């Protein structure tokens, strides 16, 4: 049993291990090549987060999905590069919107070069992803365009907030299905598609990726509160400070409204105050880390991960399927 990929994923087959290692190495080279520019400064900015590392979760999923067809098909590695480039581009934009100072353990692009450079660098990465897509055929272009539309729609929904009378939790789950689930779903779909997998398998891996993507984001919500910056690669409480309504906070507000407990109401008041103050943010984090709402968010993470696992049932038994099942466990483990 060999550990590869993000979260210490265990691969129990030497051939699959070799395929995954080879594929991810090729993706890494592809990312560096795709982020080169004739302008040295653009290269530096575009490779800033590539060189900072990252889990490469989406390319890994693409590689595993390709195992249900021909994993050596020429479109598999470029497809994995596309999904990771798209993800990286969204990180540049997200950090501007969140005013984040740290990403993947290094200063964010906006902290280092300013918002304009960060936004334009994200645009540059989108352009490079589109260039690669053009060689993968019209179906790949359509799939990516649909995912990008969902991603942007999710971001707009988050910014607009829930409609009057709407359920904030349901609204939030819709948001992250668009912002996160859509691209992870594409990671599985395009990997299987480029490998020429059976259409049934393509559909299953798409559904799997969607549910796993939601679980992945919910785990991030928990990490924003429960982790330190070394573990998560970004500053704890970033989402809290920016007023982003993550699931633990939504559960807290729901509980405070329903039960009216003084300690819950006090914590909500702290959240609604000025979290630019480091001491106040630290106090909010301390209280949330011991609050039932955080544990409820963990349980939600487990539920979505188990739904992802259940979608895999019709797939043939193989080492790739076992690895996909273990990814569900790995996502849950991130949430603690």
C-alpha atoms as a PDB file:
ATOM      1  CA  UNK A   1       0.000   0.000   0.000  1.00  0.00           C
ATOM      2  CA  UNK A   2       1.626   3.228  -1.182  1.00  0.00           C
ATOM      3  CA  UNK A   3       0.690   6.783  -0.292  1.00  0.00           C
ATOM      4  CA  UNK A   4       0.190   9.163  -3.215  1.00  0.00           C
ATOM      5  CA  UNK A   5      -1.667  12.344  -3.966  1.00  0.00           C
ATOM      6  CA  UNK A   6      -3.446  14.621  -1.533  1.00  0.00           C
ATOM      7  CA  UNK A   7      -4.473  13.753   2.003  1.00  0.00           C
ATOM      8  CA  UNK A   8      -2.229  10.675   2.053  1.00  0.00           C
ATOM      9  CA  UNK A   9      -4.411   8.700  -0.365  1.00  0.00           C
ATOM     10  CA  UNK A  10      -3.432   5.025  -0.332  1.00  0.00           C
ATOM     11  CA  UNK A  11      -3.156   3.173  -3.648  1.00  0.00           C
ATOM     12  CA  UNK A  12      -3.095  -0.606  -3.333  1.00  0.00           C
ATOM     13  CA  UNK A  13      -1.924  -1.487  -6.841  1.00  0.00           C
ATOM     14  CA  UNK A  14       1.506  -0.814  -8.284  1.00  0.00           C
ATOM     15  CA  UNK A  15       0.225  -0.251 -11.809  1.00  0.00           C
ATOM     16  CA  UNK A  16      -2.341   2.297 -10.648  1.00  0.00           C
ATOM     17  CA  UNK A  17       0.267   3.929  -8.431  1.00  0.00           C
ATOM     18  CA  UNK A  18       2.587   4.287 -11.405  1.00  0.00           C
ATOM     19  CA  UNK A  19      -0.170   5.706 -13.588  1.00  0.00           C
ATOM     20  CA  UNK A  20      -1.169   8.269 -10.950  1.00  0.00           C
ATOM     21  CA  UNK A  21       2.395   9.349 -10.238  1.00  0.00           C
ATOM     22  CA  UNK A  22       3.204   9.618 -13.935  1.00  0.00           C
ATOM     23  CA  UNK A  23      -0.006  11.496 -14.681  1.00  0.00           C
ATOM     24  CA  UNK A  24       0.403  13.996 -11.861  1.00  0.00           C
ATOM     25  CA  UNK A  25       4.038  14.607 -12.820  1.00  0.00           C
ATOM     26  CA  UNK A  26       2.933  15.321 -16.385  1.00  0.00           C
ATOM     27  CA  UNK A  27       0.231  17.653 -15.078  1.00  0.00           C
ATOM     28  CA  UNK A  28       2.811  19.534 -13.011  1.00  0.00           C
ATOM     29  CA  UNK A  29       4.984  20.008 -16.076  1.00  0.00           C
ATOM     30  CA  UNK A  30       1.919  21.054 -18.055  1.00  0.00           C
ATOM     31  CA  UNK A  31       0.990  23.654 -15.459  1.00  0.00           C
ATOM     32  CA  UNK A  32       4.440  25.209 -15.556  1.00  0.00           C
ATOM     33  CA  UNK A  33       4.407  25.244 -19.347  1.00  0.00           C
ATOM     34  CA  UNK A  34       0.907  26.751 -19.504  1.00  0.00           C
ATOM     35  CA  UNK A  35       1.846  29.558 -17.114  1.00  0.00           C
ATOM     36  CA  UNK A  36       4.879  30.740 -19.060  1.00  0.00           C
ATOM     37  CA  UNK A  37       4.692  34.058 -20.825  1.00  0.00           C
ATOM     38  CA  UNK A  38       7.018  36.098 -22.980  1.00  0.00           C
ATOM     39  CA  UNK A  39       6.669  38.722 -20.246  1.00  0.00           C
ATOM     40  CA  UNK A  40       8.748  37.571 -17.237  1.00  0.00           C
ATOM     41  CA  UNK A  41       6.556  39.377 -14.720  1.00  0.00           C
ATOM     42  CA  UNK A  42       3.446  37.578 -15.993  1.00  0.00           C
ATOM     43  CA  UNK A  43       5.267  34.260 -15.687  1.00  0.00           C
ATOM     44  CA  UNK A  44       6.241  35.081 -12.110  1.00  0.00           C
ATOM     45  CA  UNK A  45       2.704  36.055 -11.146  1.00  0.00           C
ATOM     46  CA  UNK A  46       1.051  33.170 -13.006  1.00  0.00           C
ATOM     47  CA  UNK A  47       3.387  30.574 -11.477  1.00  0.00           C
ATOM     48  CA  UNK A  48       3.133  32.038  -7.976  1.00  0.00           C
ATOM     49  CA  UNK A  49       0.464  29.617  -6.773  1.00  0.00           C
ATOM     50  CA  UNK A  50       1.584  26.761  -9.026  1.00  0.00           C
ATOM     51  CA  UNK A  51       4.974  26.743  -7.323  1.00  0.00           C
ATOM     52  CA  UNK A  52       3.364  27.154  -3.894  1.00  0.00           C
ATOM     53  CA  UNK A  53       2.123  23.582  -4.265  1.00  0.00           C
ATOM     54  CA  UNK A  54      -1.367  22.486  -3.396  1.00  0.00           C
ATOM     55  CA  UNK A  55      -3.221  19.216  -3.143  1.00  0.00           C
ATOM     56  CA  UNK A  56      -3.849  18.787  -6.912  1.00  0.00           C
ATOM     57  CA  UNK A  57      -7.136  17.208  -5.868  1.00  0.00           C
ATOM     58  CA  UNK A  58      -8.863  17.891  -9.183  1.00  0.00           C
ATOM     59  CA  UNK A  59      -6.096  16.450 -11.418  1.00  0.00           C
ATOM     60  CA  UNK A  60      -5.960  13.399  -9.177  1.00  0.00           C
ATOM     61  CA  UNK A  61      -9.668  12.852  -9.686  1.00  0.00           C
ATOM     62  CA  UNK A  62      -9.213  13.254 -13.447  1.00  0.00           C
ATOM     63  CA  UNK A  63      -6.473  10.612 -13.424  1.00  0.00           C
ATOM     64  CA  UNK A  64      -8.561   8.160 -11.404  1.00  0.00           C
ATOM     65  CA  UNK A  65     -11.644   8.710 -13.582  1.00  0.00           C
ATOM     66  CA  UNK A  66      -9.556   7.997 -16.678  1.00  0.00           C
ATOM     67  CA  UNK A  67      -8.871   4.507 -15.308  1.00  0.00           C
ATOM     68  CA  UNK A  68     -12.393   3.521 -16.383  1.00  0.00           C
ATOM     69  CA  UNK A  69     -11.348   3.974 -20.004  1.00  0.00           C
ATOM     70  CA  UNK A  70      -7.901   4.346 -21.552  1.00  0.00           C
ATOM     71  CA  UNK A  71      -5.819   6.231 -18.959  1.00  0.00           C
ATOM     72  CA  UNK A  72      -3.083   6.810 -21.550  1.00  0.00           C
ATOM     73  CA  UNK A  73      -5.363   8.594 -24.037  1.00  0.00           C
ATOM     74  CA  UNK A  74      -3.701  11.824 -25.222  1.00  0.00           C
ATOM     75  CA  UNK A  75      -6.405  14.138 -23.881  1.00  0.00           C
ATOM     76  CA  UNK A  76      -6.282  13.006 -20.248  1.00  0.00           C
ATOM     77  CA  UNK A  77      -3.292  15.003 -19.002  1.00  0.00           C
ATOM     78  CA  UNK A  78      -4.248  18.227 -20.846  1.00  0.00           C
ATOM     79  CA  UNK A  79      -7.766  17.909 -19.407  1.00  0.00           C
ATOM     80  CA  UNK A  80      -6.313  17.627 -15.900  1.00  0.00           C
ATOM     81  CA  UNK A  81      -4.167  20.713 -16.560  1.00  0.00           C
ATOM     82  CA  UNK A  82      -7.289  22.614 -17.640  1.00  0.00           C
ATOM     83  CA  UNK A  83      -9.247  21.858 -14.477  1.00  0.00           C
ATOM     84  CA  UNK A  84      -6.321  22.816 -12.255  1.00  0.00           C
ATOM     85  CA  UNK A  85      -5.623  26.023 -14.200  1.00  0.00           C
ATOM     86  CA  UNK A  86      -9.274  26.964 -13.848  1.00  0.00           C
ATOM     87  CA  UNK A  87      -9.166  26.249 -10.126  1.00  0.00           C
ATOM     88  CA  UNK A  88      -5.985  28.315  -9.721  1.00  0.00           C
ATOM     89  CA  UNK A  89      -7.564  31.213 -11.605  1.00  0.00           C
ATOM     90  CA  UNK A  90     -10.504  31.223  -9.193  1.00  0.00           C
ATOM     91  CA  UNK A  91      -8.092  31.336  -6.242  1.00  0.00           C
ATOM     92  CA  UNK A  92      -6.514  34.567  -7.536  1.00  0.00           C
ATOM     93  CA  UNK A  93      -9.973  36.094  -7.836  1.00  0.00           C
ATOM     94  CA  UNK A  94     -11.234  34.708  -4.516  1.00  0.00           C
ATOM     95  CA  UNK A  95      -8.295  36.165  -2.626  1.00  0.00           C
ATOM     96  CA  UNK A  96      -9.073  39.608  -4.018  1.00  0.00           C
ATOM     97  CA  UNK A  97     -12.725  39.342  -2.996  1.00  0.00           C
ATOM     98  CA  UNK A  98     -11.813  37.968   0.441  1.00  0.00           C
ATOM     99  CA  UNK A  99      -8.861  40.346   0.921  1.00  0.00           C
ATOM    100  CA  UNK A 100      -6.843  37.294   1.954  1.00  0.00           C
ATOM    101  CA  UNK A 101      -3.180  37.738   2.839  1.00  0.00           C
ATOM    102  CA  UNK A 102      -2.081  34.089   2.693  1.00  0.00           C
ATOM    103  CA  UNK A 103      -2.720  31.301   0.211  1.00  0.00           C
ATOM    104  CA  UNK A 104      -1.056  27.877   0.330  1.00  0.00           C
ATOM    105  CA  UNK A 105       1.308  29.100   3.006  1.00  0.00           C
ATOM    106  CA  UNK A 106       2.696  31.990   0.934  1.00  0.00           C
ATOM    107  CA  UNK A 107       1.594  35.619   0.526  1.00  0.00           C
ATOM    108  CA  UNK A 108      -1.429  35.794  -1.766  1.00  0.00           C
ATOM    109  CA  UNK A 109      -0.952  37.425  -5.169  1.00  0.00           C
ATOM    110  CA  UNK A 110      -3.076  40.406  -4.153  1.00  0.00           C
ATOM    111  CA  UNK A 111      -1.033  40.892  -0.988  1.00  0.00           C
ATOM    112  CA  UNK A 112       2.194  40.762  -2.978  1.00  0.00           C
ATOM    113  CA  UNK A 113       1.298  42.693  -6.146  1.00  0.00           C
ATOM    114  CA  UNK A 114      -2.099  44.290  -5.538  1.00  0.00           C
ATOM    115  CA  UNK A 115      -5.645  43.527  -6.619  1.00  0.00           C
ATOM    116  CA  UNK A 116      -5.313  44.527 -10.260  1.00  0.00           C
ATOM    117  CA  UNK A 117      -2.400  42.187 -10.940  1.00  0.00           C
ATOM    118  CA  UNK A 118      -4.129  39.347  -9.086  1.00  0.00           C
ATOM    119  CA  UNK A 119      -7.369  39.710 -11.077  1.00  0.00           C
ATOM    120  CA  UNK A 120      -5.553  39.987 -14.403  1.00  0.00           C
ATOM    121  CA  UNK A 121      -3.378  36.986 -13.577  1.00  0.00           C
ATOM    122  CA  UNK A 122      -6.506  34.965 -12.914  1.00  0.00           C
ATOM    123  CA  UNK A 123      -7.825  36.089 -16.300  1.00  0.00           C
ATOM    124  CA  UNK A 124      -4.536  35.041 -17.904  1.00  0.00           C
ATOM    125  CA  UNK A 125      -4.920  31.542 -16.443  1.00  0.00           C
ATOM    126  CA  UNK A 126      -8.486  31.287 -17.734  1.00  0.00           C
ATOM    127  CA  UNK A 127      -7.209  32.245 -21.186  1.00  0.00           C
ATOM    128  CA  UNK A 128      -4.489  29.603 -21.104  1.00  0.00           C
ATOM    129  CA  UNK A 129      -7.004  26.960 -19.980  1.00  0.00           C
ATOM    130  CA  UNK A 130      -9.260  27.905 -22.913  1.00  0.00           C
ATOM    131  CA  UNK A 131      -6.352  27.579 -25.321  1.00  0.00           C
ATOM    132  CA  UNK A 132      -5.694  24.009 -24.171  1.00  0.00           C
ATOM    133  CA  UNK A 133      -9.406  23.183 -24.293  1.00  0.00           C
ATOM    134  CA  UNK A 134      -9.612  24.180 -27.939  1.00  0.00           C
ATOM    135  CA  UNK A 135      -7.444  21.165 -28.787  1.00  0.00           C
ATOM    136  CA  UNK A 136      -9.652  18.760 -26.797  1.00  0.00           C
ATOM    137  CA  UNK A 137     -12.730  19.201 -28.968  1.00  0.00           C
ATOM    138  CA  UNK A 138     -16.098  20.973 -28.825  1.00  0.00           C
ATOM    139  CA  UNK A 139     -17.584  18.643 -26.183  1.00  0.00           C
ATOM    140  CA  UNK A 140     -14.767  19.467 -23.748  1.00  0.00           C
ATOM    141  CA  UNK A 141     -15.211  23.179 -24.462  1.00  0.00           C
ATOM    142  CA  UNK A 142     -18.961  22.921 -23.791  1.00  0.00           C
ATOM    143  CA  UNK A 143     -18.453  21.007 -20.524  1.00  0.00           C
ATOM    144  CA  UNK A 144     -15.950  23.564 -19.274  1.00  0.00           C
ATOM    145  CA  UNK A 145     -18.164  26.487 -20.328  1.00  0.00           C
ATOM    146  CA  UNK A 146     -21.144  25.032 -18.462  1.00  0.00           C
ATOM    147  CA  UNK A 147     -19.032  24.473 -15.354  1.00  0.00           C
ATOM    148  CA  UNK A 148     -17.626  28.001 -15.543  1.00  0.00           C
ATOM    149  CA  UNK A 149     -21.156  29.411 -15.816  1.00  0.00           C
ATOM    150  CA  UNK A 150     -22.184  27.438 -12.731  1.00  0.00           C
ATOM    151  CA  UNK A 151     -19.075  28.565 -10.885  1.00  0.00           C
ATOM    152  CA  UNK A 152     -19.734  32.236 -11.600  1.00  0.00           C
ATOM    153  CA  UNK A 153     -23.438  31.844 -10.813  1.00  0.00           C
ATOM    154  CA  UNK A 154     -22.522  30.355  -7.449  1.00  0.00           C
ATOM    155  CA  UNK A 155     -20.236  33.296  -6.722  1.00  0.00           C
ATOM    156  CA  UNK A 156     -22.963  35.788  -7.647  1.00  0.00           C
ATOM    157  CA  UNK A 157     -25.518  33.945  -5.505  1.00  0.00           C
ATOM    158  CA  UNK A 158     -23.107  34.095  -2.592  1.00  0.00           C
ATOM    159  CA  UNK A 159     -22.649  37.823  -3.078  1.00  0.00           C
ATOM    160  CA  UNK A 160     -26.397  38.471  -3.432  1.00  0.00           C
ATOM    161  CA  UNK A 161     -27.361  36.319  -0.463  1.00  0.00           C
ATOM    162  CA  UNK A 162     -30.553  34.267   0.022  1.00  0.00           C
ATOM    163  CA  UNK A 163     -33.914  35.590  -1.111  1.00  0.00           C
ATOM    164  CA  UNK A 164     -36.298  36.973   1.495  1.00  0.00           C
ATOM    165  CA  UNK A 165     -37.843  34.080   3.338  1.00  0.00           C
ATOM    166  CA  UNK A 166     -35.429  31.585   1.837  1.00  0.00           C
ATOM    167  CA  UNK A 167     -33.517  29.002   3.852  1.00  0.00           C
ATOM    168  CA  UNK A 168     -29.939  30.294   4.296  1.00  0.00           C
ATOM    169  CA  UNK A 169     -28.541  26.767   4.596  1.00  0.00           C
ATOM    170  CA  UNK A 170     -30.198  25.572   1.379  1.00  0.00           C
ATOM    171  CA  UNK A 171     -29.013  28.739  -0.356  1.00  0.00           C
ATOM    172  CA  UNK A 172     -25.471  28.133   0.825  1.00  0.00           C
ATOM    173  CA  UNK A 173     -25.472  24.530  -0.367  1.00  0.00           C
ATOM    174  CA  UNK A 174     -26.622  25.772  -3.790  1.00  0.00           C
ATOM    175  CA  UNK A 175     -23.769  28.273  -3.754  1.00  0.00           C
ATOM    176  CA  UNK A 176     -21.056  25.723  -3.049  1.00  0.00           C
ATOM    177  CA  UNK A 177     -22.526  23.205  -5.502  1.00  0.00           C
ATOM    178  CA  UNK A 178     -21.850  25.891  -8.123  1.00  0.00           C
ATOM    179  CA  UNK A 179     -18.607  27.352  -6.805  1.00  0.00           C
ATOM    180  CA  UNK A 180     -16.876  24.104  -5.856  1.00  0.00           C
ATOM    181  CA  UNK A 181     -18.946  21.098  -6.864  1.00  0.00           C
ATOM    182  CA  UNK A 182     -19.183  22.091 -10.518  1.00  0.00           C
ATOM    183  CA  UNK A 183     -15.429  22.031 -11.210  1.00  0.00           C
ATOM    184  CA  UNK A 184     -14.786  18.874  -9.212  1.00  0.00           C
ATOM    185  CA  UNK A 185     -17.652  17.231 -11.121  1.00  0.00           C
ATOM    186  CA  UNK A 186     -15.938  18.278 -14.357  1.00  0.00           C
ATOM    187  CA  UNK A 187     -12.665  16.785 -13.104  1.00  0.00           C
ATOM    188  CA  UNK A 188     -14.261  13.350 -13.001  1.00  0.00           C
ATOM    189  CA  UNK A 189     -16.374  13.841 -16.092  1.00  0.00           C
ATOM    190  CA  UNK A 190     -13.667  15.101 -18.406  1.00  0.00           C
ATOM    191  CA  UNK A 191     -11.167  12.490 -17.237  1.00  0.00           C
ATOM    192  CA  UNK A 192     -13.577   9.666 -18.063  1.00  0.00           C
ATOM    193  CA  UNK A 193     -14.651  11.365 -21.301  1.00  0.00           C
ATOM    194  CA  UNK A 194     -11.112  11.921 -22.586  1.00  0.00           C
ATOM    195  CA  UNK A 195     -10.314   8.293 -21.747  1.00  0.00           C
ATOM    196  CA  UNK A 196     -13.254   7.079 -23.822  1.00  0.00           C
ATOM    197  CA  UNK A 197     -15.068   5.525 -20.865  1.00  0.00           C
ATOM    198  CA  UNK A 198     -18.596   4.158 -21.163  1.00  0.00           C
ATOM    199  CA  UNK A 199     -21.213   6.921 -21.020  1.00  0.00           C
ATOM    200  CA  UNK A 200     -22.721   5.381 -17.884  1.00  0.00           C
ATOM    201  CA  UNK A 201     -19.365   5.644 -16.148  1.00  0.00           C
ATOM    202  CA  UNK A 202     -18.975   9.259 -17.260  1.00  0.00           C
ATOM    203  CA  UNK A 203     -22.349  10.105 -15.685  1.00  0.00           C
ATOM    204  CA  UNK A 204     -21.535   8.262 -12.448  1.00  0.00           C
ATOM    205  CA  UNK A 205     -18.166   9.972 -12.064  1.00  0.00           C
ATOM    206  CA  UNK A 206     -19.810  13.353 -12.714  1.00  0.00           C
ATOM    207  CA  UNK A 207     -22.354  12.766  -9.951  1.00  0.00           C
ATOM    208  CA  UNK A 208     -19.614  11.502  -7.658  1.00  0.00           C
ATOM    209  CA  UNK A 209     -17.512  14.603  -8.251  1.00  0.00           C
ATOM    210  CA  UNK A 210     -20.439  16.941  -7.578  1.00  0.00           C
ATOM    211  CA  UNK A 211     -21.173  15.397  -4.182  1.00  0.00           C
ATOM    212  CA  UNK A 212     -17.534  15.038  -3.251  1.00  0.00           C
ATOM    213  CA  UNK A 213     -17.001  18.676  -4.209  1.00  0.00           C
ATOM    214  CA  UNK A 214     -19.670  19.817  -1.765  1.00  0.00           C
ATOM    215  CA  UNK A 215     -18.127  17.642   0.958  1.00  0.00           C
ATOM    216  CA  UNK A 216     -14.710  19.090   0.097  1.00  0.00           C
ATOM    217  CA  UNK A 217     -15.962  22.658   0.561  1.00  0.00           C
ATOM    218  CA  UNK A 218     -17.753  21.819   3.790  1.00  0.00           C
ATOM    219  CA  UNK A 219     -14.496  20.355   5.079  1.00  0.00           C
ATOM    220  CA  UNK A 220     -12.834  23.674   4.176  1.00  0.00           C
ATOM    221  CA  UNK A 221     -15.532  25.492   6.140  1.00  0.00           C
ATOM    222  CA  UNK A 222     -14.630  23.414   9.188  1.00  0.00           C
ATOM    223  CA  UNK A 223     -10.904  23.972   8.583  1.00  0.00           C
ATOM    224  CA  UNK A 224     -11.378  27.759   8.441  1.00  0.00           C
ATOM    225  CA  UNK A 225     -12.409  27.550  12.072  1.00  0.00           C
ATOM    226  CA  UNK A 226     -10.709  24.457  13.456  1.00  0.00           C
ATOM    227  CA  UNK A 227      -7.242  24.506  11.872  1.00  0.00           C
ATOM    228  CA  UNK A 228      -4.126  26.604  12.149  1.00  0.00           C
ATOM    229  CA  UNK A 229      -2.540  28.313   9.141  1.00  0.00           C
ATOM    230  CA  UNK A 230       0.160  25.633   8.820  1.00  0.00           C
ATOM    231  CA  UNK A 231      -2.446  22.911   8.380  1.00  0.00           C
ATOM    232  CA  UNK A 232      -4.811  24.717   6.006  1.00  0.00           C
ATOM    233  CA  UNK A 233      -2.375  26.925   4.098  1.00  0.00           C
ATOM    234  CA  UNK A 234      -4.440  30.040   4.727  1.00  0.00           C
ATOM    235  CA  UNK A 235      -5.143  32.312   7.658  1.00  0.00           C
ATOM    236  CA  UNK A 236      -7.693  30.809  10.086  1.00  0.00           C
ATOM    237  CA  UNK A 237     -10.908  32.811  10.290  1.00  0.00           C
ATOM    238  CA  UNK A 238     -10.457  34.354   6.825  1.00  0.00           C
ATOM    239  CA  UNK A 239     -14.053  33.527   5.890  1.00  0.00           C
ATOM    240  CA  UNK A 240     -15.334  34.752   9.266  1.00  0.00           C
ATOM    241  CA  UNK A 241     -13.467  38.040   8.928  1.00  0.00           C
ATOM    242  CA  UNK A 242     -14.926  38.625   5.477  1.00  0.00           C
ATOM    243  CA  UNK A 243     -18.441  37.812   6.631  1.00  0.00           C
ATOM    244  CA  UNK A 244     -18.726  34.767   4.356  1.00  0.00           C
ATOM    245  CA  UNK A 245     -21.631  32.688   5.697  1.00  0.00           C
ATOM    246  CA  UNK A 246     -19.984  29.271   6.017  1.00  0.00           C
ATOM    247  CA  UNK A 247     -21.980  26.292   7.208  1.00  0.00           C
ATOM    248  CA  UNK A 248     -20.899  26.308  10.897  1.00  0.00           C
ATOM    249  CA  UNK A 249     -21.925  29.969  11.156  1.00  0.00           C
ATOM    250  CA  UNK A 250     -25.249  29.333   9.428  1.00  0.00           C
ATOM    251  CA  UNK A 251     -25.947  26.476  11.832  1.00  0.00           C
ATOM    252  CA  UNK A 252     -25.057  28.765  14.743  1.00  0.00           C
ATOM    253  CA  UNK A 253     -27.441  31.482  13.559  1.00  0.00           C
ATOM    254  CA  UNK A 254     -30.211  28.929  13.021  1.00  0.00           C
ATOM    255  CA  UNK A 255     -29.693  27.528  16.506  1.00  0.00           C
ATOM    256  CA  UNK A 256     -29.565  30.988  18.112  1.00  0.00           C
ATOM    257  CA  UNK A 257     -32.833  31.950  16.417  1.00  0.00           C
ATOM    258  CA  UNK A 258     -34.573  28.712  17.373  1.00  0.00           C
ATOM    259  CA  UNK A 259     -33.344  28.311  20.956  1.00  0.00           C
ATOM    260  CA  UNK A 260     -32.397  31.826  22.024  1.00  0.00           C
ATOM    261  CA  UNK A 261     -29.631  30.598  24.325  1.00  0.00           C
ATOM    262  CA  UNK A 262     -27.656  33.529  25.787  1.00  0.00           C
ATOM    263  CA  UNK A 263     -24.257  32.046  24.878  1.00  0.00           C
ATOM    264  CA  UNK A 264     -25.376  31.567  21.258  1.00  0.00           C
ATOM    265  CA  UNK A 265     -26.787  35.077  21.005  1.00  0.00           C
ATOM    266  CA  UNK A 266     -23.577  36.498  22.464  1.00  0.00           C
ATOM    267  CA  UNK A 267     -21.482  34.588  19.928  1.00  0.00           C
ATOM    268  CA  UNK A 268     -23.682  35.816  17.075  1.00  0.00           C
ATOM    269  CA  UNK A 269     -23.204  39.373  18.330  1.00  0.00           C
ATOM    270  CA  UNK A 270     -19.440  38.864  18.322  1.00  0.00           C
ATOM    271  CA  UNK A 271     -19.620  37.558  14.754  1.00  0.00           C
ATOM    272  CA  UNK A 272     -21.620  40.595  13.684  1.00  0.00           C
ATOM    273  CA  UNK A 273     -19.045  42.937  15.190  1.00  0.00           C
ATOM    274  CA  UNK A 274     -15.737  44.139  13.803  1.00  0.00           C
ATOM    275  CA  UNK A 275     -13.655  41.015  13.186  1.00  0.00           C
ATOM    276  CA  UNK A 276     -10.809  43.113  11.817  1.00  0.00           C
ATOM    277  CA  UNK A 277      -9.724  43.181  15.445  1.00  0.00           C
ATOM    278  CA  UNK A 278      -7.391  40.193  15.942  1.00  0.00           C
ATOM    279  CA  UNK A 279      -8.344  39.648  19.584  1.00  0.00           C
ATOM    280  CA  UNK A 280     -12.038  39.621  18.768  1.00  0.00           C
ATOM    281  CA  UNK A 281     -11.495  37.162  15.912  1.00  0.00           C
ATOM    282  CA  UNK A 282      -9.436  34.902  18.168  1.00  0.00           C
ATOM    283  CA  UNK A 283     -12.253  34.882  20.731  1.00  0.00           C
ATOM    284  CA  UNK A 284     -14.828  34.002  18.085  1.00  0.00           C
ATOM    285  CA  UNK A 285     -12.620  31.169  16.834  1.00  0.00           C
ATOM    286  CA  UNK A 286     -12.112  29.870  20.362  1.00  0.00           C
ATOM    287  CA  UNK A 287     -15.845  29.748  21.029  1.00  0.00           C
ATOM    288  CA  UNK A 288     -16.769  28.254  17.677  1.00  0.00           C
ATOM    289  CA  UNK A 289     -14.204  25.490  18.048  1.00  0.00           C
ATOM    290  CA  UNK A 290     -16.132  24.183  21.042  1.00  0.00           C
ATOM    291  CA  UNK A 291     -19.621  24.882  19.712  1.00  0.00           C
ATOM    292  CA  UNK A 292     -22.146  22.210  18.610  1.00  0.00           C
ATOM    293  CA  UNK A 293     -22.601  24.016  15.285  1.00  0.00           C
ATOM    294  CA  UNK A 294     -19.076  23.072  14.234  1.00  0.00           C
ATOM    295  CA  UNK A 295     -19.763  19.417  14.982  1.00  0.00           C
ATOM    296  CA  UNK A 296     -23.013  19.625  13.028  1.00  0.00           C
ATOM    297  CA  UNK A 297     -21.069  20.946  10.018  1.00  0.00           C
ATOM    298  CA  UNK A 298     -18.691  18.006  10.374  1.00  0.00           C
ATOM    299  CA  UNK A 299     -21.665  15.622  10.262  1.00  0.00           C
ATOM    300  CA  UNK A 300     -22.926  17.325   7.106  1.00  0.00           C
ATOM    301  CA  UNK A 301     -19.498  16.828   5.548  1.00  0.00           C
ATOM    302  CA  UNK A 302     -19.665  13.121   6.336  1.00  0.00           C
ATOM    303  CA  UNK A 303     -23.159  12.875   4.843  1.00  0.00           C
ATOM    304  CA  UNK A 304     -22.130  14.359   1.490  1.00  0.00           C
ATOM    305  CA  UNK A 305     -18.995  12.214   1.385  1.00  0.00           C
ATOM    306  CA  UNK A 306     -21.093   9.102   1.973  1.00  0.00           C
ATOM    307  CA  UNK A 307     -23.481  10.169  -0.791  1.00  0.00           C
ATOM    308  CA  UNK A 308     -20.485  10.478  -3.096  1.00  0.00           C
ATOM    309  CA  UNK A 309     -19.346   7.000  -2.134  1.00  0.00           C
ATOM    310  CA  UNK A 310     -22.785   5.507  -2.771  1.00  0.00           C
ATOM    311  CA  UNK A 311     -22.865   6.835  -6.354  1.00  0.00           C
ATOM    312  CA  UNK A 312     -19.847   4.649  -7.150  1.00  0.00           C
ATOM    313  CA  UNK A 313     -21.725   1.395  -6.490  1.00  0.00           C
ATOM    314  CA  UNK A 314     -22.497   0.582 -10.175  1.00  0.00           C
ATOM    315  CA  UNK A 315     -18.837   0.923 -11.205  1.00  0.00           C
ATOM    316  CA  UNK A 316     -16.855  -2.300 -11.657  1.00  0.00           C
ATOM    317  CA  UNK A 317     -14.741  -3.359  -8.706  1.00  0.00           C
ATOM    318  CA  UNK A 318     -11.152  -2.270  -9.275  1.00  0.00           C
ATOM    319  CA  UNK A 319      -8.302  -0.461  -7.577  1.00  0.00           C
ATOM    320  CA  UNK A 320      -9.365   2.883  -9.102  1.00  0.00           C
ATOM    321  CA  UNK A 321     -12.827   2.524  -7.581  1.00  0.00           C
ATOM    322  CA  UNK A 322     -11.263   1.716  -4.203  1.00  0.00           C
ATOM    323  CA  UNK A 323      -9.114   4.846  -4.486  1.00  0.00           C
ATOM    324  CA  UNK A 324     -12.184   6.974  -5.251  1.00  0.00           C
ATOM    325  CA  UNK A 325     -13.889   5.525  -2.188  1.00  0.00           C
ATOM    326  CA  UNK A 326     -10.854   6.355  -0.103  1.00  0.00           C
ATOM    327  CA  UNK A 327     -10.981   9.945  -1.342  1.00  0.00           C
ATOM    328  CA  UNK A 328     -14.327  10.185   0.447  1.00  0.00           C
ATOM    329  CA  UNK A 329     -12.636   9.076   3.671  1.00  0.00           C
ATOM    330  CA  UNK A 330      -9.802  11.529   3.098  1.00  0.00           C
ATOM    331  CA  UNK A 331     -12.175  14.468   2.725  1.00  0.00           C
ATOM    332  CA  UNK A 332     -13.955  13.502   5.936  1.00  0.00           C
ATOM    333  CA  UNK A 333     -10.615  13.185   7.705  1.00  0.00           C
ATOM    334  CA  UNK A 334      -9.775  16.793   6.747  1.00  0.00           C
ATOM    335  CA  UNK A 335     -12.826  17.923   8.687  1.00  0.00           C
ATOM    336  CA  UNK A 336     -11.560  16.167  11.812  1.00  0.00           C
END
